[in-house]
Amino acid sequence: MLGWTIFSHSVRMVFNNMQQALQIGLVPSVAAAVFSTTVLHFTGADAVTLNASDLTAAPESAILVLGTALASFFVTIWIFVAWHRFVLLEEYPVGWVPAFRVDRFFEYLGYTLLLFGVLFVAAICFAVPVVLIGAILSVIPGLGLIVQVVPLFVLVLVYVAFLRFSPVLPAAAIGVPLGLGAAAKATAGTNGMLILLATILLLVQVGLAGILILALQVLPILGIASQTIIGLVMSLVNVSVLTAMYGVFVEKRELT
């Protein structure tokens, strides 16, 4: 049950170091949330549903919305690099704004974009045969439910592919050379464990997303605040999973 062990260890890693988690992620996350909410308000988007159809037709609005997405993406990488370094190098945060290491940030960004490209190809490779099988099964009475879970199955497979290569990200954060091939070699033979881990992470995130959507519908301001805090905690759990995997499969650490 190594998959469950890594997940539970990652959750404990965040909650046992909550002060450091807040020091690393709170201010950047709140700043990104305030910026995004403000921009969405002025572009005419619905702050509750975030429905893109609510945007005004002006190209400037679309550019601003894209800008908020990029800002949130960059802030996330900033937080992730700081968290990796805290866990793996015991680089404790000082104050309430994490250190911004330009070299580590851009190497992490580069590997993230490279992984996105790899996952895009993997998604196509997984989706084509799975969709074909789903189409065949759809004509058989009583198998409609199986067809409905096909997208989730593809998502799990793509997530597993991401986890196989994911050690390159903590390595980039701490400045250790590690290519995609070396990362895949380090995690060889773990596909069964990674399927369980990916399934757990997806189910937890889907459940939290449902809670956040409900909170946004009931009370938008409270929902936005909850979204920021829960989003930060879940992001740190996810990045802790990557950190734990790097520690176990690359550095050969034992989970405590």
C-alpha atoms as a PDB file:
ATOM      1  CA  MET A   1       0.000   0.000   0.000  1.00  0.00           C
ATOM      2  CA  LEU A   2       2.853   2.358  -0.821  1.00  0.00           C
ATOM      3  CA  GLY A   3       0.450   4.596  -2.732  1.00  0.00           C
ATOM      4  CA  TRP A   4      -1.664   5.217   0.373  1.00  0.00           C
ATOM      5  CA  THR A   5       1.496   5.622   2.479  1.00  0.00           C
ATOM      6  CA  ILE A   6       2.820   8.341   0.176  1.00  0.00           C
ATOM      7  CA  PHE A   7      -0.531  10.132   0.168  1.00  0.00           C
ATOM      8  CA  SER A   8      -0.989  10.022   3.957  1.00  0.00           C
ATOM      9  CA  HIS A   9       2.642  11.046   4.487  1.00  0.00           C
ATOM     10  CA  SER A  10       2.106  14.021   2.157  1.00  0.00           C
ATOM     11  CA  VAL A  11      -0.999  15.113   4.067  1.00  0.00           C
ATOM     12  CA  ARG A  12       0.891  14.898   7.369  1.00  0.00           C
ATOM     13  CA  MET A  13       3.790  16.781   5.817  1.00  0.00           C
ATOM     14  CA  VAL A  14       1.515  19.755   5.170  1.00  0.00           C
ATOM     15  CA  PHE A  15      -0.453  19.730   8.423  1.00  0.00           C
ATOM     16  CA  ASN A  16       2.591  19.061  10.614  1.00  0.00           C
ATOM     17  CA  ASN A  17       4.301  22.062   9.046  1.00  0.00           C
ATOM     18  CA  MET A  18       1.292  24.345   8.768  1.00  0.00           C
ATOM     19  CA  GLN A  19       3.181  27.471   9.855  1.00  0.00           C
ATOM     20  CA  GLN A  20       5.765  26.980   7.114  1.00  0.00           C
ATOM     21  CA  ALA A  21       2.993  26.111   4.643  1.00  0.00           C
ATOM     22  CA  LEU A  22       1.244  29.404   5.385  1.00  0.00           C
ATOM     23  CA  GLN A  23       4.490  31.354   5.278  1.00  0.00           C
ATOM     24  CA  ILE A  24       5.309  29.902   1.879  1.00  0.00           C
ATOM     25  CA  GLY A  25       1.907  29.951   0.234  1.00  0.00           C
ATOM     26  CA  LEU A  26      -0.589  32.244   1.934  1.00  0.00           C
ATOM     27  CA  VAL A  27       0.498  35.704   0.770  1.00  0.00           C
ATOM     28  CA  PRO A  28       1.177  34.717  -2.876  1.00  0.00           C
ATOM     29  CA  SER A  29      -2.106  32.751  -3.036  1.00  0.00           C
ATOM     30  CA  VAL A  30      -4.182  35.575  -1.570  1.00  0.00           C
ATOM     31  CA  ALA A  31      -2.509  38.107  -3.858  1.00  0.00           C
ATOM     32  CA  ALA A  32      -3.227  35.918  -6.909  1.00  0.00           C
ATOM     33  CA  ALA A  33      -6.848  35.385  -5.792  1.00  0.00           C
ATOM     34  CA  VAL A  34      -7.446  39.112  -5.251  1.00  0.00           C
ATOM     35  CA  PHE A  35      -5.847  39.943  -8.600  1.00  0.00           C
ATOM     36  CA  SER A  36      -7.889  37.299 -10.454  1.00  0.00           C
ATOM     37  CA  THR A  37     -11.165  38.277  -8.778  1.00  0.00           C
ATOM     38  CA  THR A  38     -10.582  41.956  -9.534  1.00  0.00           C
ATOM     39  CA  VAL A  39      -9.745  41.330 -13.180  1.00  0.00           C
ATOM     40  CA  LEU A  40     -12.709  38.985 -13.655  1.00  0.00           C
ATOM     41  CA  HIS A  41     -14.983  41.619 -12.150  1.00  0.00           C
ATOM     42  CA  PHE A  42     -13.841  44.305 -14.567  1.00  0.00           C
ATOM     43  CA  THR A  43     -14.000  41.994 -17.586  1.00  0.00           C
ATOM     44  CA  GLY A  44     -17.614  41.116 -16.833  1.00  0.00           C
ATOM     45  CA  ALA A  45     -17.072  37.466 -15.902  1.00  0.00           C
ATOM     46  CA  ASP A  46     -19.337  35.863 -13.364  1.00  0.00           C
ATOM     47  CA  ALA A  47     -17.221  35.611 -10.214  1.00  0.00           C
ATOM     48  CA  VAL A  48     -19.286  32.664  -9.003  1.00  0.00           C
ATOM     49  CA  THR A  49     -19.529  30.420 -12.038  1.00  0.00           C
ATOM     50  CA  LEU A  50     -16.477  31.791 -13.868  1.00  0.00           C
ATOM     51  CA  ASN A  51     -18.387  31.197 -17.077  1.00  0.00           C
ATOM     52  CA  ALA A  52     -16.264  32.276 -20.020  1.00  0.00           C
ATOM     53  CA  SER A  53     -19.420  33.138 -21.982  1.00  0.00           C
ATOM     54  CA  ASP A  54     -20.002  36.007 -19.562  1.00  0.00           C
ATOM     55  CA  LEU A  55     -16.917  37.797 -20.810  1.00  0.00           C
ATOM     56  CA  THR A  56     -17.399  40.836 -22.940  1.00  0.00           C
ATOM     57  CA  ALA A  57     -16.586  40.487 -26.609  1.00  0.00           C
ATOM     58  CA  ALA A  58     -13.593  42.848 -26.395  1.00  0.00           C
ATOM     59  CA  PRO A  59     -10.266  41.095 -27.094  1.00  0.00           C
ATOM     60  CA  GLU A  60      -8.782  43.023 -24.172  1.00  0.00           C
ATOM     61  CA  SER A  61     -11.014  41.061 -21.797  1.00  0.00           C
ATOM     62  CA  ALA A  62      -9.786  37.726 -23.080  1.00  0.00           C
ATOM     63  CA  ILE A  63      -6.184  38.917 -22.767  1.00  0.00           C
ATOM     64  CA  LEU A  64      -6.764  40.008 -19.176  1.00  0.00           C
ATOM     65  CA  VAL A  65      -8.366  36.677 -18.264  1.00  0.00           C
ATOM     66  CA  LEU A  66      -5.439  34.850 -19.852  1.00  0.00           C
ATOM     67  CA  GLY A  67      -3.139  37.101 -17.842  1.00  0.00           C
ATOM     68  CA  THR A  68      -4.823  36.072 -14.592  1.00  0.00           C
ATOM     69  CA  ALA A  69      -4.415  32.404 -15.487  1.00  0.00           C
ATOM     70  CA  LEU A  70      -0.722  32.905 -16.236  1.00  0.00           C
ATOM     71  CA  ALA A  71      -0.242  34.891 -13.025  1.00  0.00           C
ATOM     72  CA  SER A  72      -1.823  32.072 -10.994  1.00  0.00           C
ATOM     73  CA  PHE A  73       0.336  29.524 -12.837  1.00  0.00           C
ATOM     74  CA  PHE A  74       3.551  31.439 -12.099  1.00  0.00           C
ATOM     75  CA  VAL A  75       2.578  31.948  -8.452  1.00  0.00           C
ATOM     76  CA  THR A  76       1.934  28.215  -8.133  1.00  0.00           C
ATOM     77  CA  ILE A  77       5.412  27.396  -9.449  1.00  0.00           C
ATOM     78  CA  TRP A  78       6.931  29.968  -7.075  1.00  0.00           C
ATOM     79  CA  ILE A  79       5.189  28.273  -4.134  1.00  0.00           C
ATOM     80  CA  PHE A  80       6.062  24.764  -5.311  1.00  0.00           C
ATOM     81  CA  VAL A  81       9.770  25.518  -5.664  1.00  0.00           C
ATOM     82  CA  ALA A  82       9.866  27.026  -2.165  1.00  0.00           C
ATOM     83  CA  TRP A  83       8.013  24.012  -0.705  1.00  0.00           C
ATOM     84  CA  HIS A  84      10.293  21.451  -2.385  1.00  0.00           C
ATOM     85  CA  ARG A  85      13.312  23.290  -1.027  1.00  0.00           C
ATOM     86  CA  PHE A  86      11.825  23.491   2.460  1.00  0.00           C
ATOM     87  CA  VAL A  87      11.122  19.750   2.626  1.00  0.00           C
ATOM     88  CA  LEU A  88      14.206  18.416   0.838  1.00  0.00           C
ATOM     89  CA  LEU A  89      16.831  20.983   1.884  1.00  0.00           C
ATOM     90  CA  GLU A  90      15.241  22.209   5.132  1.00  0.00           C
ATOM     91  CA  GLU A  91      15.301  25.718   3.697  1.00  0.00           C
ATOM     92  CA  TYR A  92      12.900  27.328   6.142  1.00  0.00           C
ATOM     93  CA  PRO A  93      10.900  30.361   4.990  1.00  0.00           C
ATOM     94  CA  VAL A  94      11.784  33.731   6.484  1.00  0.00           C
ATOM     95  CA  GLY A  95       8.859  36.108   6.842  1.00  0.00           C
ATOM     96  CA  TRP A  96       5.614  35.773   4.894  1.00  0.00           C
ATOM     97  CA  VAL A  97       6.878  36.000   1.320  1.00  0.00           C
ATOM     98  CA  PRO A  98       8.856  32.983   0.067  1.00  0.00           C
ATOM     99  CA  ALA A  99      12.232  33.507  -1.528  1.00  0.00           C
ATOM    100  CA  PHE A 100      12.055  33.788  -5.306  1.00  0.00           C
ATOM    101  CA  ARG A 101      14.962  31.881  -6.848  1.00  0.00           C
ATOM    102  CA  VAL A 102      15.077  32.906 -10.473  1.00  0.00           C
ATOM    103  CA  ASP A 103      17.252  30.042 -11.728  1.00  0.00           C
ATOM    104  CA  ARG A 104      15.220  27.355  -9.955  1.00  0.00           C
ATOM    105  CA  PHE A 105      11.933  28.976 -11.010  1.00  0.00           C
ATOM    106  CA  PHE A 106      12.742  28.954 -14.716  1.00  0.00           C
ATOM    107  CA  GLU A 107      14.195  25.437 -14.682  1.00  0.00           C
ATOM    108  CA  TYR A 108      11.051  24.228 -12.900  1.00  0.00           C
ATOM    109  CA  LEU A 109       8.920  26.122 -15.425  1.00  0.00           C
ATOM    110  CA  GLY A 110      10.809  24.549 -18.302  1.00  0.00           C
ATOM    111  CA  TYR A 111      10.335  21.015 -17.008  1.00  0.00           C
ATOM    112  CA  THR A 112       6.669  21.730 -16.250  1.00  0.00           C
ATOM    113  CA  LEU A 113       6.050  22.799 -19.847  1.00  0.00           C
ATOM    114  CA  LEU A 114       7.998  19.789 -21.106  1.00  0.00           C
ATOM    115  CA  LEU A 115       5.846  17.507 -18.957  1.00  0.00           C
ATOM    116  CA  PHE A 116       2.705  19.165 -20.314  1.00  0.00           C
ATOM    117  CA  GLY A 117       3.878  18.284 -23.814  1.00  0.00           C
ATOM    118  CA  VAL A 118       4.611  14.686 -22.835  1.00  0.00           C
ATOM    119  CA  LEU A 119       1.236  14.366 -21.114  1.00  0.00           C
ATOM    120  CA  PHE A 120      -0.562  15.771 -24.152  1.00  0.00           C
ATOM    121  CA  VAL A 121       0.958  13.038 -26.306  1.00  0.00           C
ATOM    122  CA  ALA A 122       0.232  10.433 -23.620  1.00  0.00           C
ATOM    123  CA  ALA A 123      -3.391  11.578 -23.393  1.00  0.00           C
ATOM    124  CA  ILE A 124      -3.857  11.053 -27.126  1.00  0.00           C
ATOM    125  CA  CYS A 125      -2.166   7.641 -27.012  1.00  0.00           C
ATOM    126  CA  PHE A 126      -4.330   6.524 -24.087  1.00  0.00           C
ATOM    127  CA  ALA A 127      -7.553   8.096 -25.302  1.00  0.00           C
ATOM    128  CA  VAL A 128      -7.676   6.630 -28.811  1.00  0.00           C
ATOM    129  CA  PRO A 129      -7.768   2.917 -27.874  1.00  0.00           C
ATOM    130  CA  VAL A 130      -9.880   3.529 -24.746  1.00  0.00           C
ATOM    131  CA  VAL A 131     -12.460   5.527 -26.732  1.00  0.00           C
ATOM    132  CA  LEU A 132     -12.565   2.825 -29.404  1.00  0.00           C
ATOM    133  CA  ILE A 133     -13.140   0.160 -26.761  1.00  0.00           C
ATOM    134  CA  GLY A 134     -15.793   2.367 -25.156  1.00  0.00           C
ATOM    135  CA  ALA A 135     -17.545   2.779 -28.498  1.00  0.00           C
ATOM    136  CA  ILE A 136     -17.624  -0.996 -28.943  1.00  0.00           C
ATOM    137  CA  LEU A 137     -18.936  -1.554 -25.417  1.00  0.00           C
ATOM    138  CA  SER A 138     -21.586   1.149 -25.818  1.00  0.00           C
ATOM    139  CA  VAL A 139     -23.557  -1.022 -28.255  1.00  0.00           C
ATOM    140  CA  ILE A 140     -23.752  -3.848 -25.715  1.00  0.00           C
ATOM    141  CA  PRO A 141     -26.808  -3.570 -23.441  1.00  0.00           C
ATOM    142  CA  GLY A 142     -26.051  -2.963 -19.770  1.00  0.00           C
ATOM    143  CA  LEU A 143     -22.553  -1.581 -20.284  1.00  0.00           C
ATOM    144  CA  GLY A 144     -23.490   2.101 -20.419  1.00  0.00           C
ATOM    145  CA  LEU A 145     -21.987   2.784 -16.983  1.00  0.00           C
ATOM    146  CA  ILE A 146     -18.614   1.463 -18.095  1.00  0.00           C
ATOM    147  CA  VAL A 147     -18.627   3.865 -21.033  1.00  0.00           C
ATOM    148  CA  GLN A 148     -19.338   6.782 -18.682  1.00  0.00           C
ATOM    149  CA  VAL A 149     -16.211   6.106 -16.617  1.00  0.00           C
ATOM    150  CA  VAL A 150     -13.953   5.937 -19.689  1.00  0.00           C
ATOM    151  CA  PRO A 151     -12.858   9.620 -19.387  1.00  0.00           C
ATOM    152  CA  LEU A 152     -11.964   9.062 -15.721  1.00  0.00           C
ATOM    153  CA  PHE A 153      -9.928   6.007 -16.682  1.00  0.00           C
ATOM    154  CA  VAL A 154      -8.002   8.017 -19.268  1.00  0.00           C
ATOM    155  CA  LEU A 155      -7.435  10.773 -16.704  1.00  0.00           C
ATOM    156  CA  VAL A 156      -5.995   8.269 -14.223  1.00  0.00           C
ATOM    157  CA  LEU A 157      -3.630   6.884 -16.876  1.00  0.00           C
ATOM    158  CA  VAL A 158      -2.424  10.378 -17.775  1.00  0.00           C
ATOM    159  CA  TYR A 159      -1.949  11.171 -14.088  1.00  0.00           C
ATOM    160  CA  VAL A 160       0.115   7.988 -13.709  1.00  0.00           C
ATOM    161  CA  ALA A 161       2.294   9.059 -16.636  1.00  0.00           C
ATOM    162  CA  PHE A 162       2.791  12.429 -14.956  1.00  0.00           C
ATOM    163  CA  LEU A 163       3.782  10.798 -11.660  1.00  0.00           C
ATOM    164  CA  ARG A 164       6.271   8.522 -13.430  1.00  0.00           C
ATOM    165  CA  PHE A 165       8.160  11.556 -14.729  1.00  0.00           C
ATOM    166  CA  SER A 166       7.425  13.869 -11.791  1.00  0.00           C
ATOM    167  CA  PRO A 167      10.768  13.479  -9.933  1.00  0.00           C
ATOM    168  CA  VAL A 168      12.274  15.916 -12.442  1.00  0.00           C
ATOM    169  CA  LEU A 169      10.319  18.738 -10.761  1.00  0.00           C
ATOM    170  CA  PRO A 170      11.676  18.445  -7.193  1.00  0.00           C
ATOM    171  CA  ALA A 171      15.103  17.859  -8.731  1.00  0.00           C
ATOM    172  CA  ALA A 172      14.799  21.117 -10.675  1.00  0.00           C
ATOM    173  CA  ALA A 173      13.704  22.939  -7.523  1.00  0.00           C
ATOM    174  CA  ILE A 174      16.811  21.925  -5.588  1.00  0.00           C
ATOM    175  CA  GLY A 175      19.236  22.100  -8.507  1.00  0.00           C
ATOM    176  CA  VAL A 176      19.906  18.380  -9.033  1.00  0.00           C
ATOM    177  CA  PRO A 177      20.352  17.275 -12.680  1.00  0.00           C
ATOM    178  CA  LEU A 178      17.692  14.683 -13.517  1.00  0.00           C
ATOM    179  CA  GLY A 179      16.243  14.117 -16.963  1.00  0.00           C
ATOM    180  CA  LEU A 180      12.933  12.539 -17.928  1.00  0.00           C
ATOM    181  CA  GLY A 181      14.609   9.235 -18.747  1.00  0.00           C
ATOM    182  CA  ALA A 182      16.311   9.045 -15.348  1.00  0.00           C
ATOM    183  CA  ALA A 183      13.052   9.944 -13.607  1.00  0.00           C
ATOM    184  CA  ALA A 184      11.147   7.211 -15.463  1.00  0.00           C
ATOM    185  CA  LYS A 185      13.900   4.715 -14.655  1.00  0.00           C
ATOM    186  CA  ALA A 186      13.783   5.629 -10.948  1.00  0.00           C
ATOM    187  CA  THR A 187      10.018   5.008 -10.838  1.00  0.00           C
ATOM    188  CA  ALA A 188      10.064   1.853 -12.969  1.00  0.00           C
ATOM    189  CA  GLY A 189       7.821  -0.954 -11.728  1.00  0.00           C
ATOM    190  CA  THR A 190       5.528   1.361  -9.775  1.00  0.00           C
ATOM    191  CA  ASN A 191       2.555   1.591 -12.153  1.00  0.00           C
ATOM    192  CA  GLY A 192       0.194  -0.366  -9.894  1.00  0.00           C
ATOM    193  CA  MET A 193       1.062   1.795  -6.900  1.00  0.00           C
ATOM    194  CA  LEU A 194       0.751   4.951  -8.989  1.00  0.00           C
ATOM    195  CA  ILE A 195      -2.719   3.963 -10.232  1.00  0.00           C
ATOM    196  CA  LEU A 196      -3.877   3.780  -6.609  1.00  0.00           C
ATOM    197  CA  LEU A 197      -2.140   7.058  -5.731  1.00  0.00           C
ATOM    198  CA  ALA A 198      -3.543   8.870  -8.775  1.00  0.00           C
ATOM    199  CA  THR A 199      -7.053   7.564  -8.047  1.00  0.00           C
ATOM    200  CA  ILE A 200      -6.872   8.757  -4.426  1.00  0.00           C
ATOM    201  CA  LEU A 201      -5.648  12.213  -5.434  1.00  0.00           C
ATOM    202  CA  LEU A 202      -8.304  12.607  -8.132  1.00  0.00           C
ATOM    203  CA  LEU A 203     -11.152  11.511  -5.850  1.00  0.00           C
ATOM    204  CA  VAL A 204     -10.048  13.853  -3.063  1.00  0.00           C
ATOM    205  CA  GLN A 205      -9.752  16.770  -5.465  1.00  0.00           C
ATOM    206  CA  VAL A 206     -13.132  16.076  -7.077  1.00  0.00           C
ATOM    207  CA  GLY A 207     -14.732  15.961  -3.624  1.00  0.00           C
ATOM    208  CA  LEU A 208     -13.129  19.234  -2.564  1.00  0.00           C
ATOM    209  CA  ALA A 209     -14.084  20.858  -5.864  1.00  0.00           C
ATOM    210  CA  GLY A 210     -17.719  19.935  -5.208  1.00  0.00           C
ATOM    211  CA  ILE A 211     -17.570  21.511  -1.751  1.00  0.00           C
ATOM    212  CA  LEU A 212     -16.007  24.684  -3.147  1.00  0.00           C
ATOM    213  CA  ILE A 213     -18.623  25.013  -5.889  1.00  0.00           C
ATOM    214  CA  LEU A 214     -21.355  24.688  -3.274  1.00  0.00           C
ATOM    215  CA  ALA A 215     -19.666  27.319  -1.085  1.00  0.00           C
ATOM    216  CA  LEU A 216     -19.390  29.704  -4.052  1.00  0.00           C
ATOM    217  CA  GLN A 217     -23.084  29.292  -4.798  1.00  0.00           C
ATOM    218  CA  VAL A 218     -24.188  29.839  -1.196  1.00  0.00           C
ATOM    219  CA  LEU A 219     -21.925  32.761  -0.288  1.00  0.00           C
ATOM    220  CA  PRO A 220     -19.500  33.997  -2.970  1.00  0.00           C
ATOM    221  CA  ILE A 221     -17.133  35.875  -0.635  1.00  0.00           C
ATOM    222  CA  LEU A 222     -16.857  32.917   1.744  1.00  0.00           C
ATOM    223  CA  GLY A 223     -16.506  30.613  -1.240  1.00  0.00           C
ATOM    224  CA  ILE A 224     -13.601  32.603  -2.675  1.00  0.00           C
ATOM    225  CA  ALA A 225     -11.854  32.596   0.722  1.00  0.00           C
ATOM    226  CA  SER A 226     -12.432  28.845   1.085  1.00  0.00           C
ATOM    227  CA  GLN A 227     -11.235  28.289  -2.454  1.00  0.00           C
ATOM    228  CA  THR A 228      -7.976  30.084  -1.697  1.00  0.00           C
ATOM    229  CA  ILE A 229      -7.238  28.232   1.551  1.00  0.00           C
ATOM    230  CA  ILE A 230      -8.399  24.769   0.473  1.00  0.00           C
ATOM    231  CA  GLY A 231      -6.750  25.245  -2.907  1.00  0.00           C
ATOM    232  CA  LEU A 232      -3.455  26.119  -1.219  1.00  0.00           C
ATOM    233  CA  VAL A 233      -3.599  23.129   1.128  1.00  0.00           C
ATOM    234  CA  MET A 234      -4.504  20.720  -1.682  1.00  0.00           C
ATOM    235  CA  SER A 235      -1.782  22.166  -3.908  1.00  0.00           C
ATOM    236  CA  LEU A 236       0.773  21.625  -1.151  1.00  0.00           C
ATOM    237  CA  VAL A 237      -0.476  18.054  -0.641  1.00  0.00           C
ATOM    238  CA  ASN A 238      -0.040  17.421  -4.366  1.00  0.00           C
ATOM    239  CA  VAL A 239       3.440  18.904  -4.445  1.00  0.00           C
ATOM    240  CA  SER A 240       4.277  16.988  -1.259  1.00  0.00           C
ATOM    241  CA  VAL A 241       3.398  13.794  -3.127  1.00  0.00           C
ATOM    242  CA  LEU A 242       5.967  14.723  -5.774  1.00  0.00           C
ATOM    243  CA  THR A 243       8.482  15.570  -3.058  1.00  0.00           C
ATOM    244  CA  ALA A 244       7.872  12.256  -1.278  1.00  0.00           C
ATOM    245  CA  MET A 245       8.239  10.333  -4.523  1.00  0.00           C
ATOM    246  CA  TYR A 246      11.533  12.063  -5.231  1.00  0.00           C
ATOM    247  CA  GLY A 247      12.732  11.234  -1.735  1.00  0.00           C
ATOM    248  CA  VAL A 248      11.671   7.568  -1.955  1.00  0.00           C
ATOM    249  CA  PHE A 249      12.633   6.695  -5.532  1.00  0.00           C
ATOM    250  CA  VAL A 250      15.582   9.001  -6.228  1.00  0.00           C
ATOM    251  CA  GLU A 251      17.171   9.719  -2.851  1.00  0.00           C
ATOM    252  CA  LYS A 252      16.088   6.319  -1.438  1.00  0.00           C
ATOM    253  CA  ARG A 253      14.696   7.838   1.749  1.00  0.00           C
ATOM    254  CA  GLU A 254      12.331   5.962   4.008  1.00  0.00           C
ATOM    255  CA  LEU A 255       9.019   7.575   4.865  1.00  0.00           C
ATOM    256  CA  THR A 256       8.608   8.223   8.559  1.00  0.00           C
END
